[in-house]
C-alpha cells in the first residue's frame, strides 16, 4: 500500500509541475498600459522558465509593426514595442492574429523580425493543450 501511495504522489507532483509550463497571452487593447501589463507578465513568466506565446490582435497588433512611434512606460521608460523585442530575444513566440494583416492593409514584411502571422488552427490546438494558462489584455 505504501508503494502505491508513493507512486501516486510522484505521478501527481509530476502532473502538477507539467501543468504550469506554458503561458498564452492575448493582447488586443490599444491602451498602452494594458499592452505593457501583458508584456511585463509575459516577461516575468519567461524569467521563471515558462514557455510563452503572445497573440497580438486588433490595435495591439500595431506593437509588432516595424517603426511604430509609441509612448514610453514608467518606471523603465520603455515602449511596448521595446518590451516585445525583449520577449522575442528571450525566446517567446510572438504572433499577430490572422485577421490583423488583411484588415490593416499591412504585410508580413511589415512586422518586426521574430513576429509571424498566426494560424487559427495552431492557436486553437495550443489553447486546448493541458497545462496552458491564459491571460487576456
N, C-alpha and C. Protein backbone atom coordinates (compact mmCIF):
# COMPACT_ATOMS: atom_id res chain seq x y z
N UNK A 1 0.82 -1.19 0.00
CA UNK A 1 0.00 0.00 0.00
C UNK A 1 0.87 1.26 0.00
N UNK A 2 1.98 1.24 0.77
CA UNK A 2 2.86 2.39 0.83
C UNK A 2 3.47 2.68 -0.53
N UNK A 3 3.80 1.63 -1.29
CA UNK A 3 4.36 1.81 -2.63
C UNK A 3 3.35 2.48 -3.55
N UNK A 4 2.10 2.09 -3.45
CA UNK A 4 1.05 2.68 -4.29
C UNK A 4 0.88 4.16 -3.97
N UNK A 5 0.88 4.49 -2.69
CA UNK A 5 0.75 5.89 -2.28
C UNK A 5 1.95 6.70 -2.76
N UNK A 6 3.14 6.14 -2.64
CA UNK A 6 4.34 6.83 -3.09
C UNK A 6 4.32 7.05 -4.60
N UNK A 7 3.96 6.03 -5.35
CA UNK A 7 3.88 6.17 -6.81
C UNK A 7 2.84 7.21 -7.19
N UNK A 8 1.68 7.20 -6.53
CA UNK A 8 0.62 8.18 -6.80
C UNK A 8 1.11 9.59 -6.50
N UNK A 9 1.84 9.77 -5.41
CA UNK A 9 2.36 11.09 -5.04
C UNK A 9 3.37 11.58 -6.09
N UNK A 10 4.23 10.70 -6.55
CA UNK A 10 5.21 11.08 -7.57
C UNK A 10 4.50 11.47 -8.86
N UNK A 11 3.53 10.67 -9.29
CA UNK A 11 2.79 10.97 -10.52
C UNK A 11 2.02 12.28 -10.39
N UNK A 12 1.39 12.52 -9.24
CA UNK A 12 0.64 13.75 -9.02
C UNK A 12 1.56 14.96 -9.04
N UNK A 13 2.71 14.87 -8.39
CA UNK A 13 3.63 16.01 -8.40
C UNK A 13 4.16 16.27 -9.80
N UNK A 14 4.38 15.23 -10.59
CA UNK A 14 4.82 15.41 -11.97
C UNK A 14 3.73 16.07 -12.80
N UNK A 15 2.49 15.68 -12.59
CA UNK A 15 1.37 16.27 -13.33
C UNK A 15 1.20 17.73 -12.97
N UNK A 16 1.33 18.06 -11.70
CA UNK A 16 1.20 19.47 -11.27
C UNK A 16 2.32 20.30 -11.89
N UNK A 17 3.53 19.79 -11.87
CA UNK A 17 4.65 20.53 -12.45
C UNK A 17 4.44 20.74 -13.94
N UNK A 18 3.88 19.75 -14.62
CA UNK A 18 3.67 19.86 -16.07
C UNK A 18 2.56 20.83 -16.42
N UNK A 19 1.66 21.10 -15.50
CA UNK A 19 0.53 21.96 -15.79
C UNK A 19 0.91 23.43 -15.91
N UNK A 20 1.98 23.85 -15.35
CA UNK A 20 2.31 25.26 -15.33
C UNK A 20 3.51 25.59 -16.21
N UNK A 21 3.62 24.91 -17.36
CA UNK A 21 4.81 25.13 -18.16
C UNK A 21 4.58 26.00 -19.39
N UNK A 22 3.36 26.48 -19.62
CA UNK A 22 3.11 27.33 -20.78
C UNK A 22 2.13 28.45 -20.43
N UNK A 23 2.41 29.63 -20.96
CA UNK A 23 1.53 30.78 -20.77
C UNK A 23 1.18 31.35 -22.14
N UNK A 24 -0.10 31.55 -22.37
CA UNK A 24 -0.60 32.15 -23.60
C UNK A 24 -1.16 33.52 -23.23
N UNK A 25 -0.61 34.57 -23.82
CA UNK A 25 -1.05 35.93 -23.52
C UNK A 25 -1.66 36.52 -24.79
N UNK A 26 -2.92 36.89 -24.70
CA UNK A 26 -3.62 37.52 -25.82
C UNK A 26 -3.79 39.00 -25.49
N UNK A 27 -3.26 39.84 -26.37
CA UNK A 27 -3.37 41.29 -26.17
C UNK A 27 -4.10 41.88 -27.36
N UNK A 28 -5.19 42.58 -27.10
CA UNK A 28 -5.94 43.23 -28.17
C UNK A 28 -6.18 44.71 -27.89
N UNK A 29 -5.93 45.13 -26.69
CA UNK A 29 -6.19 46.50 -26.29
C UNK A 29 -5.25 47.49 -26.98
N UNK A 30 -5.80 48.64 -27.31
CA UNK A 30 -4.98 49.74 -27.83
C UNK A 30 -4.41 50.60 -26.72
N UNK A 31 -4.81 50.32 -25.47
CA UNK A 31 -4.33 51.09 -24.32
C UNK A 31 -2.90 50.67 -23.98
N UNK A 32 -2.00 51.63 -24.00
CA UNK A 32 -0.58 51.34 -23.82
C UNK A 32 -0.29 50.66 -22.48
N UNK A 33 -0.95 51.07 -21.41
CA UNK A 33 -0.68 50.44 -20.12
C UNK A 33 -1.18 49.00 -20.08
N UNK A 34 -2.31 48.71 -20.73
CA UNK A 34 -2.79 47.32 -20.79
C UNK A 34 -1.81 46.48 -21.60
N UNK A 35 -1.33 47.01 -22.71
CA UNK A 35 -0.33 46.30 -23.51
C UNK A 35 0.91 46.02 -22.67
N UNK A 36 1.37 47.05 -21.98
CA UNK A 36 2.56 46.91 -21.15
C UNK A 36 2.38 45.88 -20.05
N UNK A 37 1.20 45.87 -19.43
CA UNK A 37 0.94 44.91 -18.36
C UNK A 37 1.04 43.48 -18.88
N UNK A 38 0.45 43.22 -20.03
CA UNK A 38 0.52 41.88 -20.61
C UNK A 38 1.95 41.48 -20.96
N UNK A 39 2.69 42.42 -21.51
CA UNK A 39 4.07 42.14 -21.90
C UNK A 39 4.98 41.94 -20.69
N UNK A 40 4.75 42.73 -19.64
CA UNK A 40 5.54 42.58 -18.41
C UNK A 40 5.31 41.19 -17.80
N UNK A 41 4.04 40.78 -17.72
CA UNK A 41 3.75 39.47 -17.14
C UNK A 41 4.32 38.34 -18.00
N UNK A 42 4.27 38.51 -19.31
CA UNK A 42 4.89 37.52 -20.20
C UNK A 42 6.39 37.43 -19.92
N UNK A 43 7.02 38.56 -19.74
CA UNK A 43 8.46 38.59 -19.43
C UNK A 43 8.78 37.93 -18.11
N UNK A 44 7.93 38.18 -17.11
CA UNK A 44 8.14 37.56 -15.81
C UNK A 44 8.00 36.04 -15.89
N UNK A 45 7.05 35.58 -16.69
CA UNK A 45 6.88 34.13 -16.87
C UNK A 45 8.11 33.52 -17.54
N UNK A 46 8.64 34.21 -18.55
CA UNK A 46 9.86 33.72 -19.21
C UNK A 46 11.00 33.60 -18.21
N UNK A 47 11.13 34.58 -17.33
CA UNK A 47 12.19 34.54 -16.32
C UNK A 47 12.02 33.36 -15.38
N UNK A 48 10.78 32.89 -15.23
CA UNK A 48 10.51 31.74 -14.37
C UNK A 48 10.49 30.43 -15.16
N UNK A 49 11.10 30.47 -16.35
CA UNK A 49 11.30 29.27 -17.19
C UNK A 49 10.00 28.67 -17.73
N UNK A 50 9.02 29.53 -17.99
CA UNK A 50 7.75 29.10 -18.58
C UNK A 50 7.78 29.46 -20.06
N UNK A 51 7.34 28.55 -20.93
CA UNK A 51 7.22 28.86 -22.35
C UNK A 51 6.10 29.87 -22.53
N UNK A 52 6.36 30.91 -23.32
CA UNK A 52 5.39 32.00 -23.51
C UNK A 52 5.07 32.15 -24.98
N UNK A 53 3.78 32.29 -25.25
CA UNK A 53 3.27 32.58 -26.60
C UNK A 53 2.35 33.77 -26.49
N UNK A 54 2.60 34.80 -27.32
CA UNK A 54 1.82 36.04 -27.28
C UNK A 54 1.10 36.21 -28.62
N UNK A 55 -0.20 36.48 -28.53
CA UNK A 55 -1.01 36.76 -29.72
C UNK A 55 -1.47 38.21 -29.66
N UNK A 56 -1.10 38.98 -30.68
CA UNK A 56 -1.47 40.39 -30.76
C UNK A 56 -2.59 40.56 -31.78
N UNK A 57 -3.70 41.13 -31.35
CA UNK A 57 -4.84 41.34 -32.24
C UNK A 57 -5.30 42.79 -32.16
N UNK A 58 -6.09 43.18 -33.15
CA UNK A 58 -6.70 44.50 -33.20
C UNK A 58 -5.61 45.56 -33.01
N UNK A 59 -5.86 46.57 -32.20
CA UNK A 59 -4.91 47.67 -32.05
C UNK A 59 -3.56 47.23 -31.49
N UNK A 60 -3.55 46.15 -30.74
CA UNK A 60 -2.28 45.67 -30.17
C UNK A 60 -1.36 45.11 -31.25
N UNK A 61 -1.89 44.75 -32.39
CA UNK A 61 -1.06 44.27 -33.48
C UNK A 61 -0.06 45.33 -33.93
N UNK A 62 -0.41 46.59 -33.74
CA UNK A 62 0.49 47.69 -34.13
C UNK A 62 1.83 47.63 -33.40
N UNK A 63 1.84 47.02 -32.21
CA UNK A 63 3.09 46.90 -31.46
C UNK A 63 4.14 46.17 -32.29
N UNK A 64 3.69 45.24 -33.12
CA UNK A 64 4.60 44.37 -33.88
C UNK A 64 5.00 44.95 -35.23
N UNK A 65 4.52 46.14 -35.57
CA UNK A 65 4.85 46.74 -36.87
C UNK A 65 6.14 47.55 -36.74
N UNK A 66 7.06 47.30 -37.64
CA UNK A 66 8.35 47.98 -37.63
C UNK A 66 8.15 49.50 -37.66
N UNK A 67 8.92 50.19 -36.81
CA UNK A 67 8.96 51.65 -36.84
C UNK A 67 7.81 52.37 -36.19
N UNK A 68 7.02 51.69 -35.38
CA UNK A 68 5.91 52.36 -34.69
C UNK A 68 6.44 53.34 -33.65
N UNK A 69 5.83 54.51 -33.59
CA UNK A 69 6.16 55.51 -32.59
C UNK A 69 5.20 55.33 -31.43
N UNK A 70 5.72 54.97 -30.26
CA UNK A 70 4.88 54.69 -29.10
C UNK A 70 5.40 55.41 -27.87
N UNK A 71 4.49 55.71 -26.96
CA UNK A 71 4.95 56.34 -25.70
C UNK A 71 5.69 55.33 -24.82
N UNK A 72 6.61 55.86 -24.03
CA UNK A 72 7.34 55.04 -23.07
C UNK A 72 6.54 54.89 -21.80
N UNK A 73 6.71 53.76 -21.15
CA UNK A 73 6.04 53.49 -19.89
C UNK A 73 7.04 53.52 -18.75
N UNK A 74 6.65 54.16 -17.68
CA UNK A 74 7.48 54.20 -16.47
C UNK A 74 7.27 52.90 -15.71
N UNK A 75 8.12 52.43 -14.90
CA UNK A 75 9.31 53.11 -14.41
C UNK A 75 10.55 52.85 -15.26
N UNK A 76 10.48 51.94 -16.24
CA UNK A 76 11.68 51.59 -17.00
C UNK A 76 11.88 52.45 -18.24
N UNK A 77 10.86 53.28 -18.56
CA UNK A 77 10.93 54.16 -19.74
C UNK A 77 11.19 53.37 -21.02
N UNK A 78 10.37 52.34 -21.23
CA UNK A 78 10.44 51.54 -22.46
C UNK A 78 9.06 51.52 -23.10
N UNK A 79 9.04 51.38 -24.40
CA UNK A 79 7.78 51.32 -25.14
C UNK A 79 7.29 49.86 -25.18
N UNK A 80 6.00 49.66 -25.47
CA UNK A 80 5.54 48.28 -25.65
C UNK A 80 6.33 47.55 -26.74
N UNK A 81 6.73 48.25 -27.78
CA UNK A 81 7.50 47.59 -28.84
C UNK A 81 8.87 47.14 -28.32
N UNK A 82 9.50 47.95 -27.48
CA UNK A 82 10.78 47.54 -26.90
C UNK A 82 10.60 46.33 -25.98
N UNK A 83 9.49 46.32 -25.23
CA UNK A 83 9.19 45.15 -24.38
C UNK A 83 9.00 43.91 -25.25
N UNK A 84 8.27 44.07 -26.35
CA UNK A 84 8.03 42.95 -27.26
C UNK A 84 9.34 42.41 -27.83
N UNK A 85 10.22 43.31 -28.21
CA UNK A 85 11.52 42.89 -28.74
C UNK A 85 12.32 42.13 -27.69
N UNK A 86 12.19 42.53 -26.43
CA UNK A 86 12.85 41.80 -25.35
C UNK A 86 12.29 40.39 -25.20
N UNK A 87 10.98 40.25 -25.35
CA UNK A 87 10.36 38.92 -25.27
C UNK A 87 10.85 38.03 -26.41
N UNK A 88 10.95 38.62 -27.60
CA UNK A 88 11.43 37.85 -28.76
C UNK A 88 12.84 37.35 -28.49
N UNK A 89 13.70 38.24 -28.00
CA UNK A 89 15.09 37.86 -27.71
C UNK A 89 15.17 36.78 -26.63
N UNK A 90 14.20 36.81 -25.70
CA UNK A 90 14.21 35.84 -24.60
C UNK A 90 13.58 34.51 -25.01
N UNK A 91 13.03 34.42 -26.23
CA UNK A 91 12.53 33.14 -26.71
C UNK A 91 11.03 32.98 -26.77
N UNK A 92 10.27 34.04 -26.52
CA UNK A 92 8.81 33.94 -26.62
C UNK A 92 8.39 33.82 -28.08
N UNK A 93 7.30 33.13 -28.31
CA UNK A 93 6.72 33.04 -29.65
C UNK A 93 5.70 34.17 -29.77
N UNK A 94 5.87 35.04 -30.76
CA UNK A 94 5.02 36.20 -30.93
C UNK A 94 4.31 36.12 -32.28
N UNK A 95 2.99 36.31 -32.25
CA UNK A 95 2.20 36.25 -33.48
C UNK A 95 1.17 37.38 -33.51
N UNK A 96 0.82 37.80 -34.72
CA UNK A 96 -0.34 38.68 -34.88
C UNK A 96 -1.49 37.79 -35.33
N UNK A 97 -2.70 38.12 -34.89
CA UNK A 97 -3.84 37.28 -35.24
C UNK A 97 -4.06 37.26 -36.74
N UNK A 98 -4.73 36.24 -37.19
CA UNK A 98 -4.94 36.03 -38.63
C UNK A 98 -5.74 37.16 -39.27
N UNK A 99 -6.49 37.90 -38.51
CA UNK A 99 -7.30 38.99 -39.06
C UNK A 99 -6.52 40.30 -39.17
N UNK A 100 -5.42 40.41 -38.45
CA UNK A 100 -4.72 41.69 -38.36
C UNK A 100 -4.20 42.17 -39.72
N UNK A 101 -3.37 41.40 -40.38
CA UNK A 101 -2.75 41.86 -41.62
C UNK A 101 -3.78 42.18 -42.72
N UNK A 102 -4.71 41.27 -43.02
CA UNK A 102 -5.62 41.58 -44.12
C UNK A 102 -6.56 42.76 -43.83
N UNK A 103 -6.81 43.06 -42.56
CA UNK A 103 -7.73 44.14 -42.23
C UNK A 103 -7.05 45.47 -41.94
N UNK A 104 -5.72 45.47 -41.96
CA UNK A 104 -4.99 46.73 -41.78
C UNK A 104 -4.25 47.14 -43.04
N UNK A 105 -4.26 46.28 -44.04
CA UNK A 105 -3.53 46.58 -45.27
C UNK A 105 -2.04 46.38 -45.15
N UNK A 106 -1.61 45.79 -44.05
CA UNK A 106 -0.18 45.53 -43.86
C UNK A 106 0.18 44.14 -44.36
N UNK A 107 1.48 43.93 -44.52
CA UNK A 107 2.01 42.66 -44.99
C UNK A 107 2.89 42.06 -43.89
N UNK A 108 3.17 40.77 -44.01
CA UNK A 108 4.06 40.10 -43.05
C UNK A 108 5.43 40.76 -43.03
N UNK A 109 5.84 41.34 -44.14
CA UNK A 109 7.14 42.01 -44.20
C UNK A 109 7.17 43.29 -43.38
N UNK A 110 6.01 43.80 -42.98
CA UNK A 110 5.93 45.00 -42.14
C UNK A 110 6.17 44.70 -40.66
N UNK A 111 6.20 43.41 -40.31
CA UNK A 111 6.32 43.01 -38.92
C UNK A 111 7.79 42.95 -38.48
N UNK A 112 7.99 43.16 -37.19
CA UNK A 112 9.32 43.02 -36.60
C UNK A 112 9.86 41.61 -36.85
N UNK A 113 11.16 41.50 -36.93
CA UNK A 113 11.79 40.17 -37.03
C UNK A 113 11.38 39.36 -35.81
N UNK A 114 10.96 38.14 -36.04
CA UNK A 114 10.54 37.28 -34.94
C UNK A 114 9.04 37.25 -34.70
N UNK A 115 8.28 38.05 -35.45
CA UNK A 115 6.82 38.07 -35.32
C UNK A 115 6.24 37.45 -36.59
N UNK A 116 5.30 36.53 -36.41
CA UNK A 116 4.70 35.86 -37.56
C UNK A 116 3.17 35.96 -37.50
N UNK A 117 2.52 35.83 -38.66
CA UNK A 117 1.06 35.75 -38.65
C UNK A 117 0.61 34.42 -38.04
N UNK A 118 -0.40 34.47 -37.21
CA UNK A 118 -0.90 33.26 -36.56
C UNK A 118 -1.77 32.45 -37.51
N UNK A 119 -1.78 31.15 -37.26
CA UNK A 119 -2.69 30.25 -37.97
C UNK A 119 -3.75 29.83 -36.96
N UNK A 120 -5.03 30.15 -37.22
CA UNK A 120 -6.09 29.86 -36.24
C UNK A 120 -6.11 28.42 -35.74
N UNK A 121 -5.90 27.46 -36.63
CA UNK A 121 -5.92 26.05 -36.19
C UNK A 121 -4.80 25.77 -35.19
N UNK A 122 -3.62 26.36 -35.41
CA UNK A 122 -2.50 26.17 -34.49
C UNK A 122 -2.79 26.81 -33.13
N UNK A 123 -3.38 28.01 -33.16
CA UNK A 123 -3.72 28.69 -31.90
C UNK A 123 -4.74 27.87 -31.13
N UNK A 124 -5.79 27.40 -31.81
CA UNK A 124 -6.82 26.60 -31.14
C UNK A 124 -6.22 25.33 -30.54
N UNK A 125 -5.38 24.64 -31.29
CA UNK A 125 -4.75 23.42 -30.78
C UNK A 125 -3.88 23.73 -29.56
N UNK A 126 -3.17 24.84 -29.61
CA UNK A 126 -2.32 25.22 -28.49
C UNK A 126 -3.16 25.49 -27.24
N UNK A 127 -4.25 26.22 -27.41
CA UNK A 127 -5.10 26.56 -26.27
C UNK A 127 -5.77 25.33 -25.65
N UNK A 128 -5.97 24.30 -26.44
CA UNK A 128 -6.63 23.09 -25.94
C UNK A 128 -5.67 22.13 -25.24
N UNK A 129 -4.37 22.40 -25.32
CA UNK A 129 -3.40 21.54 -24.65
C UNK A 129 -3.54 21.67 -23.14
N UNK A 130 -3.39 20.57 -22.43
CA UNK A 130 -3.38 20.66 -20.96
C UNK A 130 -2.18 21.48 -20.50
N UNK A 131 -2.36 22.23 -19.45
CA UNK A 131 -1.24 22.96 -18.87
C UNK A 131 -0.99 24.33 -19.46
N UNK A 132 -1.81 24.80 -20.38
CA UNK A 132 -1.64 26.14 -20.93
C UNK A 132 -2.52 27.09 -20.14
N UNK A 133 -1.86 28.03 -19.53
CA UNK A 133 -2.60 29.08 -18.79
C UNK A 133 -2.75 30.28 -19.71
N UNK A 134 -3.85 30.99 -19.58
CA UNK A 134 -4.11 32.11 -20.48
C UNK A 134 -4.33 33.42 -19.71
N UNK A 135 -3.88 34.49 -20.33
CA UNK A 135 -4.15 35.85 -19.86
C UNK A 135 -4.62 36.66 -21.05
N UNK A 136 -5.53 37.59 -20.83
CA UNK A 136 -6.01 38.43 -21.92
C UNK A 136 -6.00 39.91 -21.49
N UNK A 137 -5.53 40.75 -22.39
CA UNK A 137 -5.47 42.19 -22.14
C UNK A 137 -6.07 42.93 -23.32
